[in-house]
Amino acid sequence: MALLFLVKPEPGCNIPAGIWLSIQFLFLVVEGIIIEVRERLRSSIYWSERSAQRKKLEIAIVAPKETIEMMWTLFGFFLFLSHDSIGCGD
Protein backbone atom coordinates (compact mmCIF):
# COMPACT_ATOMS: atom_id res chain seq x y z
CA MET A 1 0.00 0.00 0.00
CA ALA A 2 2.77 2.43 0.91
CA LEU A 3 4.55 1.69 -2.38
CA LEU A 4 1.46 2.76 -4.31
CA PHE A 5 1.40 5.96 -2.30
CA LEU A 6 5.01 6.68 -3.27
CA VAL A 7 4.44 6.02 -6.96
CA LYS A 8 1.06 7.70 -7.43
CA PRO A 9 0.50 10.92 -5.50
CA GLU A 10 -2.88 11.29 -3.85
CA PRO A 11 -4.94 14.11 -5.41
CA GLY A 12 -5.95 16.66 -2.81
CA CYS A 13 -3.15 15.65 -0.45
CA ASN A 14 -1.10 18.76 0.22
CA ILE A 15 1.59 17.19 2.39
CA PRO A 16 4.81 15.49 1.19
CA ALA A 17 3.76 12.08 2.48
CA GLY A 18 5.65 10.18 -0.21
CA ILE A 19 8.89 11.92 0.65
CA TRP A 20 8.28 11.35 4.35
CA LEU A 21 7.70 7.62 3.77
CA SER A 22 10.78 7.35 1.57
CA ILE A 23 13.02 8.87 4.22
CA GLN A 24 11.37 6.72 6.90
CA PHE A 25 12.26 3.67 4.80
CA LEU A 26 15.81 5.00 4.55
CA PHE A 27 15.97 4.98 8.35
CA LEU A 28 15.13 1.26 8.27
CA VAL A 29 17.96 0.63 5.83
CA VAL A 30 20.39 2.60 8.01
CA GLU A 31 19.16 0.63 11.05
CA GLY A 32 20.03 -2.63 9.30
CA ILE A 33 23.49 -1.34 8.46
CA ILE A 34 24.04 -0.21 12.05
CA ILE A 35 23.01 -3.64 13.37
CA GLU A 36 25.52 -5.27 11.03
CA VAL A 37 28.30 -2.86 12.06
CA ARG A 38 27.61 -3.47 15.75
CA GLU A 39 27.74 -7.23 15.28
CA ARG A 40 31.04 -6.95 13.43
CA LEU A 41 32.45 -4.71 16.16
CA ARG A 42 31.45 -7.23 18.83
CA SER A 43 32.98 -10.17 17.00
CA SER A 44 36.22 -8.37 16.12
CA ILE A 45 39.33 -9.31 18.11
CA TYR A 46 40.61 -5.73 17.82
CA TRP A 47 37.46 -4.20 19.31
CA SER A 48 36.95 -6.93 21.93
CA GLU A 49 40.23 -5.81 23.51
CA ARG A 50 39.02 -2.19 23.45
CA SER A 51 35.49 -2.56 24.78
CA ALA A 52 35.28 0.95 26.30
CA GLN A 53 36.22 2.54 22.98
CA ARG A 54 33.84 0.21 21.15
CA LYS A 55 30.93 1.32 23.34
CA LYS A 56 31.78 4.97 22.74
CA LEU A 57 31.89 4.31 19.00
CA GLU A 58 28.54 2.49 19.10
CA ILE A 59 26.98 5.40 20.99
CA ALA A 60 28.47 7.87 18.51
CA ILE A 61 26.86 5.90 15.67
CA VAL A 62 23.48 5.06 17.23
CA ALA A 63 22.62 8.23 19.19
CA PRO A 64 22.54 10.68 16.24
CA LYS A 65 20.55 8.24 14.11
CA GLU A 66 17.97 7.68 16.85
CA THR A 67 17.70 11.40 17.58
CA ILE A 68 17.19 12.31 13.92
CA GLU A 69 14.69 9.47 13.47
CA MET A 70 12.70 10.62 16.52
CA MET A 71 12.58 14.18 15.18
CA TRP A 72 11.54 12.89 11.72
CA THR A 73 8.75 10.82 13.28
CA LEU A 74 7.48 13.84 15.21
CA PHE A 75 7.57 15.85 11.98
CA GLY A 76 5.44 13.09 10.40
CA PHE A 77 2.91 13.31 13.23
CA PHE A 78 2.67 17.07 12.74
CA LEU A 79 2.23 16.55 8.99
CA PHE A 80 -0.52 14.02 9.59
CA LEU A 81 -2.32 16.27 12.06
CA SER A 82 -2.02 19.42 9.95
CA HIS A 83 -4.92 20.98 8.06
CA ASP A 84 -3.16 20.23 4.74
CA SER A 85 -3.60 16.49 5.28
CA ILE A 86 -7.41 16.58 5.18
CA GLY A 87 -7.61 15.21 1.60
CA CYS A 88 -4.99 12.50 2.12
CA GLY A 89 -7.27 9.80 3.49
CA ASP A 90 -9.89 9.90 0.73
PDB file of N, CA and C in Angstrom:
ATOM      1  N   MET A   1       0.823  -1.195   0.000  1.00  0.00           N
ATOM      2  CA  MET A   1       0.000   0.000   0.000  1.00  0.00           C
ATOM      3  C   MET A   1       0.868   1.260   0.000  1.00  0.00           C
ATOM      4  N   ALA A   2       1.902   1.257   0.842  1.00  0.00           N
ATOM      5  CA  ALA A   2       2.773   2.432   0.909  1.00  0.00           C
ATOM      6  C   ALA A   2       3.504   2.642  -0.408  1.00  0.00           C
ATOM      7  N   LEU A   3       3.859   1.563  -1.096  1.00  0.00           N
ATOM      8  CA  LEU A   3       4.549   1.688  -2.379  1.00  0.00           C
ATOM      9  C   LEU A   3       3.661   2.378  -3.409  1.00  0.00           C
ATOM     10  N   LEU A   4       2.380   2.074  -3.409  1.00  0.00           N
ATOM     11  CA  LEU A   4       1.460   2.755  -4.309  1.00  0.00           C
ATOM     12  C   LEU A   4       1.383   4.240  -3.993  1.00  0.00           C
ATOM     13  N   PHE A   5       1.462   4.564  -2.715  1.00  0.00           N
ATOM     14  CA  PHE A   5       1.403   5.957  -2.302  1.00  0.00           C
ATOM     15  C   PHE A   5       2.642   6.712  -2.771  1.00  0.00           C
ATOM     16  N   LEU A   6       3.788   6.032  -2.811  1.00  0.00           N
ATOM     17  CA  LEU A   6       5.013   6.678  -3.271  1.00  0.00           C
ATOM     18  C   LEU A   6       4.992   6.909  -4.773  1.00  0.00           C
ATOM     19  N   VAL A   7       4.431   5.951  -5.505  1.00  0.00           N
ATOM     20  CA  VAL A   7       4.439   6.024  -6.960  1.00  0.00           C
ATOM     21  C   VAL A   7       3.375   6.982  -7.478  1.00  0.00           C
ATOM     22  N   LYS A   8       2.178   6.896  -6.947  1.00  0.00           N
ATOM     23  CA  LYS A   8       1.057   7.696  -7.434  1.00  0.00           C
ATOM     24  C   LYS A   8       0.628   8.674  -6.336  1.00  0.00           C
ATOM     25  N   PRO A   9       0.898   9.959  -6.522  1.00  0.00           N
ATOM     26  CA  PRO A   9       0.498  10.920  -5.495  1.00  0.00           C
ATOM     27  C   PRO A   9      -1.017  11.003  -5.364  1.00  0.00           C
ATOM     28  N   GLU A  10      -1.454  11.207  -4.166  1.00  0.00           N
ATOM     29  CA  GLU A  10      -2.878  11.294  -3.852  1.00  0.00           C
ATOM     30  C   GLU A  10      -3.393  12.686  -4.229  1.00  0.00           C
ATOM     31  N   PRO A  11      -4.407  12.783  -5.095  1.00  0.00           N
ATOM     32  CA  PRO A  11      -4.942  14.114  -5.414  1.00  0.00           C
ATOM     33  C   PRO A  11      -5.611  14.724  -4.184  1.00  0.00           C
ATOM     34  N   GLY A  12      -5.369  15.969  -3.960  1.00  0.00           N
ATOM     35  CA  GLY A  12      -5.947  16.657  -2.814  1.00  0.00           C
ATOM     36  C   GLY A  12      -5.112  16.538  -1.559  1.00  0.00           C
ATOM     37  N   CYS A  13      -4.040  15.789  -1.610  1.00  0.00           N
ATOM     38  CA  CYS A  13      -3.154  15.646  -0.454  1.00  0.00           C
ATOM     39  C   CYS A  13      -2.044  16.686  -0.585  1.00  0.00           C
ATOM     40  N   ASN A  14      -2.030  17.633   0.320  1.00  0.00           N
ATOM     41  CA  ASN A  14      -1.098  18.755   0.217  1.00  0.00           C
ATOM     42  C   ASN A  14       0.123  18.610   1.111  1.00  0.00           C
ATOM     43  N   ILE A  15       0.401  17.408   1.574  1.00  0.00           N
ATOM     44  CA  ILE A  15       1.591  17.190   2.386  1.00  0.00           C
ATOM     45  C   ILE A  15       2.545  16.259   1.627  1.00  0.00           C
ATOM     46  N   PRO A  16       3.839  16.355   1.886  1.00  0.00           N
ATOM     47  CA  PRO A  16       4.807  15.493   1.187  1.00  0.00           C
ATOM     48  C   PRO A  16       4.895  14.104   1.828  1.00  0.00           C
ATOM     49  N   ALA A  17       3.806  13.389   1.818  1.00  0.00           N
ATOM     50  CA  ALA A  17       3.762  12.085   2.482  1.00  0.00           C
ATOM     51  C   ALA A  17       4.664  11.069   1.807  1.00  0.00           C
ATOM     52  N   GLY A  18       4.775  11.111   0.508  1.00  0.00           N
ATOM     53  CA  GLY A  18       5.646  10.183  -0.213  1.00  0.00           C
ATOM     54  C   GLY A  18       7.102  10.383   0.149  1.00  0.00           C
ATOM     55  N   ILE A  19       7.509  11.620   0.251  1.00  0.00           N
ATOM     56  CA  ILE A  19       8.889  11.923   0.647  1.00  0.00           C
ATOM     57  C   ILE A  19       9.112  11.482   2.082  1.00  0.00           C
ATOM     58  N   TRP A  20       8.144  11.743   2.948  1.00  0.00           N
ATOM     59  CA  TRP A  20       8.276  11.345   4.345  1.00  0.00           C
ATOM     60  C   TRP A  20       8.426   9.829   4.464  1.00  0.00           C
ATOM     61  N   LEU A  21       7.603   9.074   3.729  1.00  0.00           N
ATOM     62  CA  LEU A  21       7.701   7.619   3.768  1.00  0.00           C
ATOM     63  C   LEU A  21       9.025   7.119   3.199  1.00  0.00           C
ATOM     64  N   SER A  22       9.513   7.757   2.168  1.00  0.00           N
ATOM     65  CA  SER A  22      10.785   7.353   1.573  1.00  0.00           C
ATOM     66  C   SER A  22      11.928   7.519   2.564  1.00  0.00           C
ATOM     67  N   ILE A  23      11.951   8.635   3.240  1.00  0.00           N
ATOM     68  CA  ILE A  23      13.020   8.869   4.216  1.00  0.00           C
ATOM     69  C   ILE A  23      12.848   7.955   5.427  1.00  0.00           C
ATOM     70  N   GLN A  24      11.615   7.671   5.807  1.00  0.00           N
ATOM     71  CA  GLN A  24      11.373   6.725   6.901  1.00  0.00           C
ATOM     72  C   GLN A  24      11.897   5.339   6.525  1.00  0.00           C
ATOM     73  N   PHE A  25      11.720   4.939   5.276  1.00  0.00           N
ATOM     74  CA  PHE A  25      12.264   3.673   4.803  1.00  0.00           C
ATOM     75  C   PHE A  25      13.791   3.705   4.832  1.00  0.00           C
ATOM     76  N   LEU A  26      14.368   4.846   4.499  1.00  0.00           N
ATOM     77  CA  LEU A  26      15.812   4.997   4.547  1.00  0.00           C
ATOM     78  C   LEU A  26      16.342   4.790   5.967  1.00  0.00           C
ATOM     79  N   PHE A  27      15.581   5.228   6.955  1.00  0.00           N
ATOM     80  CA  PHE A  27      15.967   4.979   8.348  1.00  0.00           C
ATOM     81  C   PHE A  27      16.013   3.483   8.644  1.00  0.00           C
ATOM     82  N   LEU A  28      15.105   2.715   8.075  1.00  0.00           N
ATOM     83  CA  LEU A  28      15.127   1.265   8.270  1.00  0.00           C
ATOM     84  C   LEU A  28      16.364   0.636   7.635  1.00  0.00           C
ATOM     85  N   VAL A  29      16.751   1.129   6.484  1.00  0.00           N
ATOM     86  CA  VAL A  29      17.962   0.629   5.826  1.00  0.00           C
ATOM     87  C   VAL A  29      19.191   0.957   6.670  1.00  0.00           C
ATOM     88  N   VAL A  30      19.267   2.188   7.163  1.00  0.00           N
ATOM     89  CA  VAL A  30      20.385   2.595   8.006  1.00  0.00           C
ATOM     90  C   VAL A  30      20.410   1.765   9.290  1.00  0.00           C
ATOM     91  N   GLU A  31      19.252   1.472   9.850  1.00  0.00           N
ATOM     92  CA  GLU A  31      19.163   0.633  11.049  1.00  0.00           C
ATOM     93  C   GLU A  31      19.760  -0.748  10.796  1.00  0.00           C
ATOM     94  N   GLY A  32      19.458  -1.334   9.650  1.00  0.00           N
ATOM     95  CA  GLY A  32      20.026  -2.631   9.302  1.00  0.00           C
ATOM     96  C   GLY A  32      21.540  -2.578   9.179  1.00  0.00           C
ATOM     97  N   ILE A  33      22.036  -1.507   8.597  1.00  0.00           N
ATOM     98  CA  ILE A  33      23.487  -1.338   8.463  1.00  0.00           C
ATOM     99  C   ILE A  33      24.128  -1.181   9.835  1.00  0.00           C
ATOM    100  N   ILE A  34      23.499  -0.409  10.709  1.00  0.00           N
ATOM    101  CA  ILE A  34      24.035  -0.211  12.054  1.00  0.00           C
ATOM    102  C   ILE A  34      24.062  -1.525  12.827  1.00  0.00           C
ATOM    103  N   ILE A  35      23.026  -2.334  12.696  1.00  0.00           N
ATOM    104  CA  ILE A  35      23.008  -3.637  13.369  1.00  0.00           C
ATOM    105  C   ILE A  35      24.167  -4.496  12.884  1.00  0.00           C
ATOM    106  N   GLU A  36      24.412  -4.489  11.586  1.00  0.00           N
ATOM    107  CA  GLU A  36      25.522  -5.272  11.029  1.00  0.00           C
ATOM    108  C   GLU A  36      26.873  -4.761  11.540  1.00  0.00           C
ATOM    109  N   VAL A  37      27.049  -3.442  11.572  1.00  0.00           N
ATOM    110  CA  VAL A  37      28.305  -2.860  12.062  1.00  0.00           C
ATOM    111  C   VAL A  37      28.521  -3.214  13.524  1.00  0.00           C
ATOM    112  N   ARG A  38      27.468  -3.131  14.329  1.00  0.00           N
ATOM    113  CA  ARG A  38      27.610  -3.469  15.755  1.00  0.00           C
ATOM    114  C   ARG A  38      27.979  -4.930  15.952  1.00  0.00           C
ATOM    115  N   GLU A  39      27.395  -5.813  15.185  1.00  0.00           N
ATOM    116  CA  GLU A  39      27.740  -7.235  15.277  1.00  0.00           C
ATOM    117  C   GLU A  39      29.196  -7.474  14.894  1.00  0.00           C
ATOM    118  N   ARG A  40      29.645  -6.799  13.863  1.00  0.00           N
ATOM    119  CA  ARG A  40      31.038  -6.949  13.435  1.00  0.00           C
ATOM    120  C   ARG A  40      32.002  -6.367  14.467  1.00  0.00           C
ATOM    121  N   LEU A  41      31.616  -5.266  15.107  1.00  0.00           N
ATOM    122  CA  LEU A  41      32.454  -4.710  16.160  1.00  0.00           C
ATOM    123  C   LEU A  41      32.563  -5.675  17.345  1.00  0.00           C
ATOM    124  N   ARG A  42      31.453  -6.295  17.694  1.00  0.00           N
ATOM    125  CA  ARG A  42      31.453  -7.226  18.835  1.00  0.00           C
ATOM    126  C   ARG A  42      32.233  -8.496  18.556  1.00  0.00           C
ATOM    127  N   SER A  43      32.269  -8.937  17.315  1.00  0.00           N
ATOM    128  CA  SER A  43      32.977 -10.172  16.996  1.00  0.00           C
ATOM    129  C   SER A  43      34.436  -9.942  16.610  1.00  0.00           C
ATOM    130  N   SER A  44      34.855  -8.697  16.514  1.00  0.00           N
ATOM    131  CA  SER A  44      36.224  -8.372  16.123  1.00  0.00           C
ATOM    132  C   SER A  44      37.176  -8.541  17.304  1.00  0.00           C
ATOM    133  N   ILE A  45      38.316  -9.152  17.061  1.00  0.00           N
ATOM    134  CA  ILE A  45      39.329  -9.309  18.109  1.00  0.00           C
ATOM    135  C   ILE A  45      39.871  -7.945  18.522  1.00  0.00           C
ATOM    136  N   TYR A  46      40.085  -7.072  17.547  1.00  0.00           N
ATOM    137  CA  TYR A  46      40.606  -5.733  17.818  1.00  0.00           C
ATOM    138  C   TYR A  46      39.693  -4.975  18.781  1.00  0.00           C
ATOM    139  N   TRP A  47      38.391  -4.970  18.490  1.00  0.00           N
ATOM    140  CA  TRP A  47      37.459  -4.202  19.308  1.00  0.00           C
ATOM    141  C   TRP A  47      37.081  -4.917  20.598  1.00  0.00           C
ATOM    142  N   SER A  48      37.245  -6.238  20.672  1.00  0.00           N
ATOM    143  CA  SER A  48      36.955  -6.932  21.930  1.00  0.00           C
ATOM    144  C   SER A  48      37.991  -6.577  22.987  1.00  0.00           C
ATOM    145  N   GLU A  49      39.203  -6.248  22.565  1.00  0.00           N
ATOM    146  CA  GLU A  49      40.232  -5.807  23.506  1.00  0.00           C
ATOM    147  C   GLU A  49      40.041  -4.347  23.921  1.00  0.00           C
ATOM    148  N   ARG A  50      39.259  -3.611  23.177  1.00  0.00           N
ATOM    149  CA  ARG A  50      39.021  -2.193  23.446  1.00  0.00           C
ATOM    150  C   ARG A  50      37.520  -1.950  23.625  1.00  0.00           C
ATOM    151  N   SER A  51      36.948  -2.605  24.622  1.00  0.00           N
ATOM    152  CA  SER A  51      35.488  -2.557  24.783  1.00  0.00           C
ATOM    153  C   SER A  51      34.982  -1.165  25.149  1.00  0.00           C
ATOM    154  N   ALA A  52      35.731  -0.398  25.940  1.00  0.00           N
ATOM    155  CA  ALA A  52      35.282   0.955  26.296  1.00  0.00           C
ATOM    156  C   ALA A  52      35.220   1.844  25.062  1.00  0.00           C
ATOM    157  N   GLN A  53      36.216   1.743  24.209  1.00  0.00           N
ATOM    158  CA  GLN A  53      36.222   2.536  22.984  1.00  0.00           C
ATOM    159  C   GLN A  53      35.139   2.064  22.020  1.00  0.00           C
ATOM    160  N   ARG A  54      34.890   0.757  22.008  1.00  0.00           N
ATOM    161  CA  ARG A  54      33.838   0.208  21.151  1.00  0.00           C
ATOM    162  C   ARG A  54      32.478   0.751  21.567  1.00  0.00           C
ATOM    163  N   LYS A  55      32.226   0.802  22.870  1.00  0.00           N
ATOM    164  CA  LYS A  55      30.934   1.315  23.342  1.00  0.00           C
ATOM    165  C   LYS A  55      30.764   2.796  22.994  1.00  0.00           C
ATOM    166  N   LYS A  56      31.850   3.560  23.115  1.00  0.00           N
ATOM    167  CA  LYS A  56      31.779   4.973  22.736  1.00  0.00           C
ATOM    168  C   LYS A  56      31.490   5.117  21.241  1.00  0.00           C
ATOM    169  N   LEU A  57      32.123   4.275  20.438  1.00  0.00           N
ATOM    170  CA  LEU A  57      31.891   4.306  18.995  1.00  0.00           C
ATOM    171  C   LEU A  57      30.447   3.920  18.664  1.00  0.00           C
ATOM    172  N   GLU A  58      29.930   2.900  19.330  1.00  0.00           N
ATOM    173  CA  GLU A  58      28.540   2.494  19.103  1.00  0.00           C
ATOM    174  C   GLU A  58      27.577   3.611  19.470  1.00  0.00           C
ATOM    175  N   ILE A  59      27.839   4.276  20.582  1.00  0.00           N
ATOM    176  CA  ILE A  59      26.976   5.395  20.993  1.00  0.00           C
ATOM    177  C   ILE A  59      27.070   6.538  19.988  1.00  0.00           C
ATOM    178  N   ALA A  60      28.283   6.794  19.497  1.00  0.00           N
ATOM    179  CA  ALA A  60      28.470   7.867  18.514  1.00  0.00           C
ATOM    180  C   ALA A  60      27.758   7.562  17.202  1.00  0.00           C
ATOM    181  N   ILE A  61      27.562   6.286  16.897  1.00  0.00           N
ATOM    182  CA  ILE A  61      26.864   5.904  15.670  1.00  0.00           C
ATOM    183  C   ILE A  61      25.355   5.884  15.894  1.00  0.00           C
ATOM    184  N   VAL A  62      24.909   5.309  17.007  1.00  0.00           N
ATOM    185  CA  VAL A  62      23.484   5.063  17.229  1.00  0.00           C
ATOM    186  C   VAL A  62      22.738   6.312  17.702  1.00  0.00           C
ATOM    187  N   ALA A  63      23.338   7.085  18.605  1.00  0.00           N
ATOM    188  CA  ALA A  63      22.624   8.229  19.194  1.00  0.00           C
ATOM    189  C   ALA A  63      22.170   9.262  18.157  1.00  0.00           C
ATOM    190  N   PRO A  64      23.036   9.701  17.237  1.00  0.00           N
ATOM    191  CA  PRO A  64      22.539  10.675  16.245  1.00  0.00           C
ATOM    192  C   PRO A  64      21.441  10.113  15.355  1.00  0.00           C
ATOM    193  N   LYS A  65      21.576   8.851  14.963  1.00  0.00           N
ATOM    194  CA  LYS A  65      20.552   8.237  14.110  1.00  0.00           C
ATOM    195  C   LYS A  65      19.214   8.178  14.829  1.00  0.00           C
ATOM    196  N   GLU A  66      19.219   7.765  16.092  1.00  0.00           N
ATOM    197  CA  GLU A  66      17.975   7.676  16.855  1.00  0.00           C
ATOM    198  C   GLU A  66      17.362   9.051  17.091  1.00  0.00           C
ATOM    199  N   THR A  67      18.192  10.038  17.360  1.00  0.00           N
ATOM    200  CA  THR A  67      17.700  11.400  17.583  1.00  0.00           C
ATOM    201  C   THR A  67      17.052  11.965  16.320  1.00  0.00           C
ATOM    202  N   ILE A  68      17.736  11.802  15.193  1.00  0.00           N
ATOM    203  CA  ILE A  68      17.192  12.309  13.925  1.00  0.00           C
ATOM    204  C   ILE A  68      15.917  11.558  13.553  1.00  0.00           C
ATOM    205  N   GLU A  69      15.892  10.249  13.783  1.00  0.00           N
ATOM    206  CA  GLU A  69      14.692   9.468  13.465  1.00  0.00           C
ATOM    207  C   GLU A  69      13.514   9.889  14.339  1.00  0.00           C
ATOM    208  N   MET A  70      13.770  10.164  15.629  1.00  0.00           N
ATOM    209  CA  MET A  70      12.701  10.617  16.518  1.00  0.00           C
ATOM    210  C   MET A  70      12.146  11.965  16.051  1.00  0.00           C
ATOM    211  N   MET A  71      13.037  12.878  15.667  1.00  0.00           N
ATOM    212  CA  MET A  71      12.583  14.183  15.176  1.00  0.00           C
ATOM    213  C   MET A  71      11.797  14.028  13.873  1.00  0.00           C
ATOM    214  N   TRP A  72      12.241  13.122  12.985  1.00  0.00           N
ATOM    215  CA  TRP A  72      11.540  12.885  11.722  1.00  0.00           C
ATOM    216  C   TRP A  72      10.151  12.295  11.968  1.00  0.00           C
ATOM    217  N   THR A  73      10.045  11.407  12.938  1.00  0.00           N
ATOM    218  CA  THR A  73       8.749  10.819  13.280  1.00  0.00           C
ATOM    219  C   THR A  73       7.809  11.878  13.839  1.00  0.00           C
ATOM    220  N   LEU A  74       8.315  12.749  14.696  1.00  0.00           N
ATOM    221  CA  LEU A  74       7.481  13.838  15.214  1.00  0.00           C
ATOM    222  C   LEU A  74       7.040  14.768  14.092  1.00  0.00           C
ATOM    223  N   PHE A  75       7.933  15.044  13.147  1.00  0.00           N
ATOM    224  CA  PHE A  75       7.573  15.845  11.983  1.00  0.00           C
ATOM    225  C   PHE A  75       6.438  15.166  11.212  1.00  0.00           C
ATOM    226  N   GLY A  76       6.503  13.840  11.081  1.00  0.00           N
ATOM    227  CA  GLY A  76       5.441  13.087  10.405  1.00  0.00           C
ATOM    228  C   GLY A  76       4.110  13.195  11.125  1.00  0.00           C
ATOM    229  N   PHE A  77       4.155  13.145  12.462  1.00  0.00           N
ATOM    230  CA  PHE A  77       2.911  13.312  13.225  1.00  0.00           C
ATOM    231  C   PHE A  77       2.312  14.689  12.995  1.00  0.00           C
ATOM    232  N   PHE A  78       3.167  15.730  12.990  1.00  0.00           N
ATOM    233  CA  PHE A  78       2.669  17.073  12.741  1.00  0.00           C
ATOM    234  C   PHE A  78       2.126  17.220  11.316  1.00  0.00           C
ATOM    235  N   LEU A  79       2.765  16.552  10.358  1.00  0.00           N
ATOM    236  CA  LEU A  79       2.234  16.552   8.994  1.00  0.00           C
ATOM    237  C   LEU A  79       0.850  15.909   8.950  1.00  0.00           C
ATOM    238  N   PHE A  80       0.733  14.760   9.599  1.00  0.00           N
ATOM    239  CA  PHE A  80      -0.523  14.018   9.587  1.00  0.00           C
ATOM    240  C   PHE A  80      -1.643  14.795  10.272  1.00  0.00           C
ATOM    241  N   LEU A  81      -1.303  15.534  11.312  1.00  0.00           N
ATOM    242  CA  LEU A  81      -2.324  16.270  12.062  1.00  0.00           C
ATOM    243  C   LEU A  81      -2.573  17.676  11.521  1.00  0.00           C
ATOM    244  N   SER A  82      -1.844  18.076  10.488  1.00  0.00           N
ATOM    245  CA  SER A  82      -2.015  19.423   9.947  1.00  0.00           C
ATOM    246  C   SER A  82      -3.298  19.518   9.115  1.00  0.00           C
ATOM    247  N   HIS A  83      -3.715  20.740   8.865  1.00  0.00           N
ATOM    248  CA  HIS A  83      -4.922  20.975   8.064  1.00  0.00           C
ATOM    249  C   HIS A  83      -4.704  20.603   6.594  1.00  0.00           C
ATOM    250  N   ASP A  84      -3.452  20.573   6.137  1.00  0.00           N
ATOM    251  CA  ASP A  84      -3.156  20.231   4.742  1.00  0.00           C
ATOM    252  C   ASP A  84      -3.372  18.756   4.454  1.00  0.00           C
ATOM    253  N   SER A  85      -3.465  17.930   5.491  1.00  0.00           N
ATOM    254  CA  SER A  85      -3.603  16.487   5.276  1.00  0.00           C
ATOM    255  C   SER A  85      -5.052  16.023   5.209  1.00  0.00           C
ATOM    256  N   ILE A  86      -5.986  16.935   5.159  1.00  0.00           N
ATOM    257  CA  ILE A  86      -7.412  16.578   5.175  1.00  0.00           C
ATOM    258  C   ILE A  86      -7.775  15.722   3.964  1.00  0.00           C
ATOM    259  N   GLY A  87      -7.269  15.980   2.783  1.00  0.00           N
ATOM    260  CA  GLY A  87      -7.614  15.213   1.597  1.00  0.00           C
ATOM    261  C   GLY A  87      -6.792  13.965   1.399  1.00  0.00           C
ATOM    262  N   CYS A  88      -5.903  13.629   2.309  1.00  0.00           N
ATOM    263  CA  CYS A  88      -4.991  12.496   2.117  1.00  0.00           C
ATOM    264  C   CYS A  88      -5.644  11.148   2.391  1.00  0.00           C
ATOM    265  N   GLY A  89      -6.665  11.102   3.147  1.00  0.00           N
ATOM    266  CA  GLY A  89      -7.273   9.800   3.489  1.00  0.00           C
ATOM    267  C   GLY A  89      -8.416   9.405   2.583  1.00  0.00           C
ATOM    268  N   ASP A  90      -8.753  10.208   1.607  1.00  0.00           N
ATOM    269  CA  ASP A  90      -9.891   9.895   0.725  1.00  0.00           C
ATOM    270  C   ASP A  90      -9.556   8.792  -0.256  1.00  0.00           C
TER     271      ASP A  90
END
